[in-house]
Protein backbone atom coordinates (compact mmCIF):
# COMPACT_ATOMS: atom_id res chain seq x y z
CA MET A 1 0.00 0.00 0.00
CA THR A 2 1.38 3.39 -1.00
CA ILE A 3 0.42 6.37 1.13
CA GLU A 4 1.19 9.60 -0.66
CA ARG A 5 2.61 12.48 1.40
CA PRO A 6 2.30 15.30 -1.15
CA ILE A 7 3.03 18.23 1.17
CA TYR A 8 6.34 16.82 2.39
CA LEU A 9 7.37 15.39 -0.98
CA GLN A 10 6.90 18.81 -2.54
CA LYS A 11 9.02 20.39 0.19
CA LEU A 12 11.83 17.92 -0.54
CA ILE A 13 11.56 18.58 -4.27
CA GLU A 14 11.73 22.33 -3.71
CA SER A 15 14.76 21.91 -1.42
CA ARG A 16 16.74 19.77 -3.87
CA HIS A 17 20.22 21.11 -4.74
CA ASN A 18 19.88 24.11 -2.40
CA HIS A 19 23.36 23.50 -0.89
CA MET A 20 21.85 22.97 2.54
CA ILE A 21 21.43 19.96 4.81
CA LYS A 22 17.82 18.82 4.59
CA ILE A 23 16.81 17.70 8.09
CA ILE A 24 13.56 15.72 8.23
CA THR A 25 12.30 15.68 11.83
CA GLY A 26 9.25 14.29 13.58
CA VAL A 27 8.04 11.77 16.10
CA ARG A 28 9.23 8.19 15.63
CA ARG A 29 7.13 6.02 13.29
CA CYS A 30 5.38 8.97 11.62
CA GLY A 31 6.76 8.06 8.19
CA LYS A 32 10.03 10.00 7.82
CA SER A 33 12.01 7.04 6.49
CA TYR A 34 9.21 6.05 4.12
CA LEU A 35 9.04 9.60 2.81
CA LEU A 36 12.77 9.79 2.16
CA PHE A 37 13.74 6.23 1.20
CA MET A 38 10.62 5.36 -0.77
CA LEU A 39 8.59 8.33 -2.00
CA TYR A 40 11.41 10.77 -2.61
CA SER A 41 13.82 8.13 -3.89
CA GLU A 42 11.21 6.93 -6.38
CA TRP A 43 10.61 10.51 -7.50
CA LEU A 44 14.35 10.97 -8.06
CA LYS A 45 14.51 7.78 -10.13
CA GLY A 46 11.59 9.07 -12.15
CA GLN A 47 13.73 12.14 -12.93
CA GLY A 48 16.48 9.90 -14.31
CA VAL A 49 18.70 9.58 -11.22
CA ASP A 50 20.55 6.26 -11.21
CA ASP A 51 19.95 4.03 -8.18
CA SER A 52 23.71 3.93 -7.46
CA HIS A 53 23.65 7.69 -6.89
CA ILE A 54 21.09 7.44 -4.07
CA ILE A 55 22.98 6.45 -0.91
CA HIS A 56 20.65 5.01 1.75
CA ILE A 57 21.98 4.56 5.30
CA ASP A 58 19.64 3.27 8.02
CA LEU A 59 21.29 3.84 11.40
CA GLU A 60 18.44 2.07 13.21
CA ASP A 61 19.57 -1.16 11.54
CA ARG A 62 21.87 -3.14 13.85
CA ARG A 63 23.89 -4.23 10.81
CA ASN A 64 24.90 -0.60 10.33
CA LYS A 65 26.10 -0.09 13.89
CA PRO A 66 29.73 0.52 12.76
CA LEU A 67 28.46 3.49 10.75
CA ARG A 68 27.39 5.21 13.96
CA ASN A 69 31.05 6.06 14.29
CA PRO A 70 31.51 9.42 12.49
CA ASP A 71 34.77 8.45 10.77
CA ASN A 72 33.33 5.15 9.55
CA LEU A 73 30.25 6.95 8.23
CA LEU A 74 32.38 9.50 6.43
CA ALA A 75 34.54 6.79 4.84
CA TYR A 76 31.49 4.76 3.77
CA ILE A 77 29.84 7.70 2.01
CA ASP A 78 33.12 8.65 0.32
CA SER A 79 33.50 5.10 -0.98
CA LYS A 80 30.11 5.35 -2.71
CA MET A 81 30.88 8.59 -4.55
CA VAL A 82 32.94 7.37 -7.50
CA ASP A 83 32.23 10.03 -10.15
CA LYS A 84 31.28 13.70 -10.56
CA GLU A 85 27.54 13.14 -10.98
CA MET A 86 25.16 14.32 -8.23
CA TYR A 87 24.80 11.97 -5.24
CA TYR A 88 21.81 12.02 -2.91
CA ILE A 89 22.99 11.09 0.58
CA MET A 90 20.15 9.92 2.84
CA VAL A 91 20.88 9.03 6.48
CA ASP A 92 18.10 7.77 8.73
CA GLU A 93 18.13 8.68 12.47
CA ILE A 94 21.36 10.69 12.34
CA GLN A 95 21.28 11.40 16.09
CA HIS A 96 22.84 7.95 16.62
CA VAL A 97 26.13 9.37 15.32
CA VAL A 98 28.33 11.32 17.73
CA GLU A 99 29.72 14.48 16.14
CA PHE A 100 27.23 14.08 13.30
CA GLU A 101 27.50 17.82 12.66
CA ASP A 102 31.11 17.44 11.50
CA VAL A 103 30.17 14.60 9.16
CA LEU A 104 27.34 16.56 7.54
CA ASN A 105 29.28 19.82 7.34
CA SER A 106 32.05 17.93 5.54
CA TYR A 107 29.78 17.57 2.51
CA LEU A 108 28.47 21.11 2.32
CA LYS A 109 31.30 22.25 0.03
CA ILE A 110 31.16 19.17 -2.18
CA MET A 111 29.17 20.30 -5.18
CA ASN A 112 27.90 16.85 -6.21
CA ALA A 113 26.53 15.96 -2.76
CA ASP A 114 22.91 16.62 -1.78
CA ILE A 115 22.37 15.71 1.86
CA TYR A 116 19.21 14.49 3.62
CA VAL A 117 18.95 13.20 7.19
CA THR A 118 16.11 12.20 9.50
CA GLY A 119 15.90 12.42 13.27
CA SER A 120 13.40 11.96 16.05
CA ASN A 121 14.64 14.27 18.79
CA ALA A 122 14.43 18.04 18.67
CA ARG A 123 17.24 18.68 21.14
CA PHE A 124 19.74 17.07 18.77
CA LEU A 125 18.19 18.25 15.55
CA SER A 126 15.71 21.07 15.07
CA LYS A 127 17.26 23.18 17.84
CA ASP A 128 20.64 22.68 16.19
CA VAL A 129 19.48 23.78 12.75
CA ILE A 130 20.10 27.45 13.54
CA THR A 131 23.20 27.12 15.71
CA THR A 132 25.19 24.09 14.60
CA PHE A 133 24.72 24.44 10.86
CA ARG A 134 24.97 28.26 10.87
CA GLY A 135 22.10 28.79 8.47
CA ARG A 136 23.00 25.77 6.31
CA GLY A 137 20.29 23.49 7.73
CA ASP A 138 16.83 23.26 6.16
CA GLU A 139 14.35 21.61 8.54
CA ILE A 140 11.30 19.80 7.16
CA LYS A 141 9.04 18.71 10.01
CA VAL A 142 6.86 15.66 9.33
CA TYR A 143 3.65 14.93 11.22
CA PRO A 144 1.59 11.72 11.33
CA LEU A 145 -0.94 11.32 8.51
CA SER A 146 -3.32 14.21 8.07
CA PHE A 147 -6.99 13.32 7.69
CA SER A 148 -6.83 13.79 3.93
CA GLU A 149 -3.78 11.47 3.72
CA PHE A 150 -5.57 8.97 5.96
CA MET A 151 -8.70 9.07 3.77
CA SER A 152 -6.63 8.52 0.61
CA VAL A 153 -6.20 4.89 1.69
CA TYR A 154 -9.18 4.41 4.00
CA ASP A 155 -11.95 2.15 2.72
CA GLY A 156 -15.07 3.75 4.14
CA THR A 157 -17.13 6.90 4.41
CA LYS A 158 -15.62 10.19 5.54
CA GLU A 159 -17.89 10.13 8.60
CA ARG A 160 -16.68 6.71 9.70
CA GLY A 161 -13.14 7.67 8.73
CA LEU A 162 -13.18 10.76 10.94
CA ASP A 163 -14.46 8.71 13.87
CA GLU A 164 -11.60 6.23 13.42
CA TYR A 165 -9.07 9.01 12.90
CA MET A 166 -10.10 10.85 16.06
CA THR A 167 -9.90 7.58 17.99
CA TYR A 168 -6.77 5.90 16.61
CA GLY A 169 -4.98 8.82 14.98
CA GLY A 170 -2.78 8.93 11.92
CA MET A 171 0.35 6.90 12.61
CA PRO A 172 0.90 5.19 9.23
CA GLN A 173 1.02 1.63 10.58
CA ILE A 174 -2.44 2.05 12.10
CA ILE A 175 -3.79 1.61 8.56
CA GLU A 176 -2.38 -1.93 8.49
CA GLN A 177 -3.88 -3.04 11.82
CA VAL A 178 -6.91 -5.21 11.15
CA ASN A 179 -9.18 -4.53 14.14
CA PRO A 180 -9.66 -2.16 17.10
CA ILE A 181 -7.81 -4.44 19.51
CA LYS A 182 -4.73 -4.53 17.26
CA LYS A 183 -4.87 -0.77 16.78
CA SER A 184 -5.09 -0.18 20.52
CA GLU A 185 -2.28 -2.59 21.33
CA TYR A 186 -0.02 -1.08 18.67
CA LEU A 187 -0.46 2.46 19.96
CA LYS A 188 -0.02 1.56 23.64
CA THR A 189 3.08 -0.49 22.88
CA LEU A 190 4.51 2.27 20.69
CA PHE A 191 3.97 4.85 23.43
CA ALA A 192 5.49 2.75 26.20
CA ASN A 193 8.27 0.88 24.44
CA THR A 194 9.45 3.56 22.03
CA TYR A 195 8.64 7.11 23.11
CA ILE A 196 8.73 6.78 26.90
CA ARG A 197 11.76 4.50 26.87
CA ASP A 198 13.59 6.91 24.53
CA ILE A 199 12.92 9.85 26.85
CA LYS A 200 13.94 7.96 29.99
CA GLU A 201 17.15 6.64 28.47
CA ARG A 202 18.14 9.87 26.73
CA TYR A 203 17.74 12.04 29.81
CA GLN A 204 18.55 9.38 32.41
CA ILE A 205 15.31 9.93 34.30
CA ARG A 206 15.37 8.19 37.66
CA ASN A 207 11.89 8.94 38.98
CA ASP A 208 9.92 7.72 36.00
CA GLU A 209 6.65 7.66 37.96
CA ILE A 210 6.54 11.48 37.90
CA MET A 211 7.07 11.45 34.15
CA GLU A 212 4.32 8.87 33.69
CA ASN A 213 1.85 10.81 35.84
CA LEU A 214 2.70 14.09 34.10
CA LEU A 215 1.91 12.49 30.74
CA ASP A 216 -1.43 11.32 32.12
CA VAL A 217 -2.26 14.83 33.34
CA ILE A 218 -1.49 16.64 30.08
CA SER A 219 -3.17 13.86 28.08
CA SER A 220 -6.39 14.35 30.01
CA SER A 221 -6.32 18.15 29.69
CA ILE A 222 -5.44 18.85 26.05
CA GLY A 223 -6.20 22.41 25.08
CA SER A 224 -6.32 23.63 28.70
CA LEU A 225 -4.18 26.50 29.91
CA THR A 226 -1.48 25.34 32.27
CA ASN A 227 2.09 25.92 33.47
CA PRO A 228 4.75 24.04 35.45
CA THR A 229 3.51 25.43 38.78
CA LYS A 230 -0.06 24.31 38.18
CA LEU A 231 1.08 20.91 36.96
CA ALA A 232 3.44 20.48 39.93
CA ASN A 233 0.56 21.23 42.30
CA THR A 234 -1.56 18.63 40.53
CA LEU A 235 1.22 16.05 40.86
CA LYS A 236 1.66 16.90 44.53
CA SER A 237 -1.99 16.07 45.06
CA ILE A 238 -1.38 12.56 43.71
CA ARG A 239 1.47 11.55 46.04
CA HIS A 240 4.43 13.39 44.49
CA GLU A 241 4.89 15.78 47.39
CA ASN A 242 8.47 16.73 46.60
CA VAL A 243 8.17 17.44 42.87
CA SER A 244 9.51 20.86 41.89
CA ASN A 245 8.40 23.30 39.22
CA LYS A 246 11.84 22.94 37.61
CA THR A 247 11.48 19.16 37.33
CA VAL A 248 8.06 19.51 35.73
CA ASN A 249 9.35 22.14 33.30
CA ASN A 250 12.26 19.89 32.30
CA TYR A 251 9.94 16.94 31.73
CA LEU A 252 7.63 19.08 29.61
CA GLU A 253 10.59 20.06 27.45
CA TYR A 254 11.61 16.41 27.07
CA ILE A 255 8.10 15.48 25.95
CA CYS A 256 8.06 18.29 23.39
CA ASP A 257 11.60 17.47 22.26
CA ALA A 258 10.43 13.94 21.46
CA PHE A 259 7.74 15.53 19.24
CA LEU A 260 4.92 13.97 21.28
CA THR A 261 3.36 17.33 22.07
CA GLU A 262 3.67 20.96 21.04
CA ARG A 263 3.45 23.93 23.35
CA VAL A 264 1.32 26.88 22.21
CA SER A 265 1.75 30.42 23.53
CA ARG A 266 -0.90 33.05 24.06
CA PHE A 267 -0.89 36.20 21.93
CA ASP A 268 -2.55 39.50 22.82
CA VAL A 269 -4.29 40.35 19.55
CA LYS A 270 -4.81 44.02 20.36
CA GLY A 271 -1.55 44.62 22.19
CA LYS A 272 0.43 42.67 19.56
CA LYS A 273 2.53 40.89 22.19
CA TYR A 274 3.04 37.41 23.60
CA ILE A 275 1.94 36.47 27.12
CA ASP A 276 4.57 34.33 28.80
CA SER A 277 2.36 31.94 30.78
CA PRO A 278 0.21 29.84 30.94
CA TYR A 279 0.43 27.71 27.78
CA LYS A 280 -1.57 25.04 26.02
CA TYR A 281 -0.26 21.63 24.99
CA TYR A 282 -1.56 19.64 22.03
CA PHE A 283 -0.66 16.07 21.05
CA ILE A 284 0.76 15.57 17.57
CA ASP A 285 -1.40 12.44 17.24
CA MET A 286 -4.76 11.84 18.89
CA GLY A 287 -4.38 8.08 18.76
CA LEU A 288 -1.27 8.30 20.92
CA ARG A 289 -3.07 10.63 23.32
CA ASN A 290 -6.06 8.28 23.55
CA ALA A 291 -3.81 5.26 23.98
CA ARG A 292 -2.04 6.97 26.86
CA LEU A 293 -5.41 7.19 28.65
CA ASN A 294 -6.37 3.63 27.63
CA PHE A 295 -9.10 5.13 25.40
CA ARG A 296 -11.10 6.19 28.47
CA GLN A 297 -11.54 9.88 27.62
CA SER A 298 -12.91 10.69 24.17
CA GLU A 299 -14.33 14.20 24.54
CA PRO A 300 -15.19 15.27 20.97
CA THR A 301 -14.91 19.00 21.78
CA HIS A 302 -11.28 18.78 22.92
CA LEU A 303 -10.29 16.19 20.34
CA MET A 304 -11.66 18.35 17.54
CA GLU A 305 -9.68 21.34 18.81
CA ASN A 306 -6.51 19.21 18.77
CA LEU A 307 -7.45 17.94 15.30
CA ILE A 308 -7.77 21.48 13.92
CA TYR A 309 -4.49 22.51 15.52
CA ASN A 310 -2.64 19.58 13.93
CA GLU A 311 -4.11 20.31 10.50
CA LEU A 312 -2.97 23.92 10.69
CA ARG A 313 0.55 22.83 11.65
CA VAL A 314 0.67 20.30 8.80
CA ARG A 315 -0.19 23.15 6.42
CA GLY A 316 2.77 25.10 7.74
CA TYR A 317 1.05 27.73 9.86
CA ASN A 318 2.52 29.19 13.02
CA VAL A 319 -0.26 28.87 15.58
CA ASP A 320 -0.93 30.82 18.77
CA VAL A 321 -3.84 31.09 21.18
CA GLY A 322 -5.44 34.52 20.76
CA ILE A 323 -6.36 36.76 23.69
CA VAL A 324 -8.67 39.76 23.16
CA PRO A 325 -8.83 42.20 26.12
CA VAL A 326 -12.29 43.75 26.51
CA ALA A 327 -13.83 46.29 28.87
CA THR A 328 -17.19 45.29 30.36
CA ARG A 329 -19.49 46.49 33.11
CA ASN A 330 -20.88 44.52 36.01
CA SER A 331 -24.44 44.69 37.34
CA GLU A 332 -23.52 47.77 39.37
CA GLY A 333 -22.26 49.62 36.33
CA ARG A 334 -18.60 49.40 37.27
CA GLN A 335 -16.19 48.83 34.44
CA TYR A 336 -13.63 46.04 34.59
CA ARG A 337 -11.33 44.35 32.12
CA SER A 338 -11.65 40.75 31.03
CA GLN A 339 -10.32 38.55 28.26
CA LEU A 340 -11.95 36.64 25.45
CA GLU A 341 -10.12 33.75 23.80
CA ILE A 342 -9.66 32.88 20.16
CA ASP A 343 -8.72 29.23 19.82
CA PHE A 344 -6.11 29.79 17.10
CA VAL A 345 -4.35 32.75 15.53
CA CYS A 346 -2.59 31.38 12.42
CA ASN A 347 0.20 33.06 10.48
CA LEU A 348 2.02 32.07 7.31
CA GLY A 349 3.93 34.86 5.62
CA SER A 350 1.48 37.70 5.01
CA LYS A 351 -1.53 35.45 5.65
CA LYS A 352 -3.37 35.51 8.97
CA TYR A 353 -6.54 33.76 10.11
CA TYR A 354 -8.52 33.75 13.35
CA ILE A 355 -10.13 30.36 13.97
CA GLN A 356 -12.63 29.08 16.51
CA SER A 357 -13.29 25.37 17.01
CA SER A 358 -16.91 24.58 17.84
CA TYR A 359 -18.16 21.02 17.95
CA ARG A 360 -21.80 22.13 17.81
CA LEU A 361 -23.75 25.41 17.56
CA PRO A 362 -27.17 24.35 18.87
CA ASP A 363 -28.67 27.78 19.51
CA GLU A 364 -28.20 31.54 19.25
CA ASN A 365 -26.56 31.77 22.67
CA LYS A 366 -23.82 29.36 21.62
CA ILE A 367 -23.36 31.18 18.32
CA ARG A 368 -22.97 34.53 20.12
CA GLN A 369 -20.51 32.95 22.53
CA GLU A 370 -18.30 31.58 19.75
CA GLU A 371 -18.45 34.78 17.72
CA ALA A 372 -17.84 37.19 20.62
CA SER A 373 -14.04 37.20 20.51
CA LEU A 374 -13.93 37.28 16.71
CA ARG A 375 -16.22 40.31 16.60
CA LYS A 376 -13.85 42.18 18.93
CA VAL A 377 -10.90 41.86 16.53
CA ASN A 378 -10.59 45.11 14.64
CA ASP A 379 -8.64 44.11 11.56
CA SER A 380 -9.43 42.79 8.10
CA PHE A 381 -7.97 39.28 8.41
CA LYS A 382 -10.38 36.40 7.91
CA LYS A 383 -12.32 35.04 10.86
CA ILE A 384 -13.52 31.43 10.76
CA ILE A 385 -15.57 29.05 12.89
CA VAL A 386 -14.96 25.36 12.16
CA LEU A 387 -18.06 23.38 13.05
CA GLY A 388 -17.99 19.65 13.76
CA GLU A 389 -20.67 18.88 11.17
CA ASP A 390 -20.99 18.60 7.41
CA ILE A 391 -22.53 21.94 6.40
CA LEU A 392 -22.50 24.38 3.52
CA VAL A 393 -20.07 27.26 3.90
CA ARG A 394 -21.81 30.34 5.22
CA ARG A 395 -20.80 33.91 6.05
CA ASN A 396 -22.63 36.39 8.30
CA GLU A 397 -22.91 40.17 8.32
CA ALA A 398 -19.79 40.51 10.49
CA GLY A 399 -17.74 38.70 7.87
CA ILE A 400 -17.34 35.57 10.01
CA THR A 401 -17.21 32.38 7.93
CA THR A 402 -18.52 29.07 9.27
CA ILE A 403 -17.32 25.89 7.56
CA GLY A 404 -17.82 22.22 8.33
CA ILE A 405 -15.06 19.99 9.63
CA TYR A 406 -14.94 17.88 6.45
CA ASP A 407 -14.48 20.90 4.17
CA PHE A 408 -11.82 22.21 6.53
CA LEU A 409 -9.83 18.97 6.62
CA LEU A 410 -10.26 17.69 3.06
CA ASN A 411 -10.01 20.91 1.04
CA PRO A 412 -6.43 22.23 1.02
CA ASN A 413 -7.81 25.71 0.29
CA SER A 414 -10.49 25.57 2.98
CA LEU A 415 -9.32 28.70 4.79
CA ASP A 416 -10.07 30.72 1.67
CA LEU A 417 -13.53 29.33 0.94
């Protein structure tokens, strides 16, 4: 079964021969190797590139353990480059190589070398793109399957597909699991034996119970405002009396560095400034989040919010939580300041959108509630409510557009409908 990843393939094509190190990052098992070794390699062959000029190195393979030594890796690649034609060097899970920066930088001045690497840990990769490679690193972040990618191989209706997607997520191997039990077991095993073990081993975490409980807390409160102090207090209430804010903050960074979650800041829309704390955390895959909680909590409102966030990130948008300060009066006529929230403020170049997630709009009160913050934004950028139903696109007198979840997810131009 071939699952096309058109967004990422196009990014690789556009980055070809740009004299930079293409660094493909993302959570383990989200399809980075498949994208590079299969989809992109096949595209290159279709352009006339000879197979001998595509150098594949899988550092997860035990047989390639000697190549985790930087000098051995350098010598191996050199031995494959026997002429002046362009070579495409593809190294999977480069973080296994100590001093990998030196190895990669060694090929930057070789004109017939085009370099691609994958990695699953932000601390060794995406955070190093700016510093280590001094502007010569080009990061391409890969997410699990989007809903449209999932539906391209799903045999069923979009309604049933969305239900499955919101339950089991978009990790590519989920497609191959034959029943709900297998899907559940795969996700729980992946979470425990791959992601958690990686984090514990990489950062030498001794008190793993705190880490486990912290994951449970943020899994059960996706889309809620929080900070290390609040989370530490929650952990203290469940028998971790000595946990510190610093420990919680470090663990949160480890979880984000492993690409399991992303932290979202708040942005004052009127004041044009960021608010330092609290933050929101969203899971990069809802199946992993649900598996962490043993599929006990399936709140459609919160899951849909996470779903919309992930889709926006896949499309390349920078996403913040919007805050709109407003002045109101109480029953006694006294004025006080409060804040309204916009679920997502999305930016990509000169484009900006304000987006509210609403699972249902059953009556006028709910409609007014969802529109309130959008109506207080005094600029001309588009304001959208994504509704968890299949509806026709509509626009009201305030210029607020309401679109259904299927149009939003399946139409790549949905924000401009």
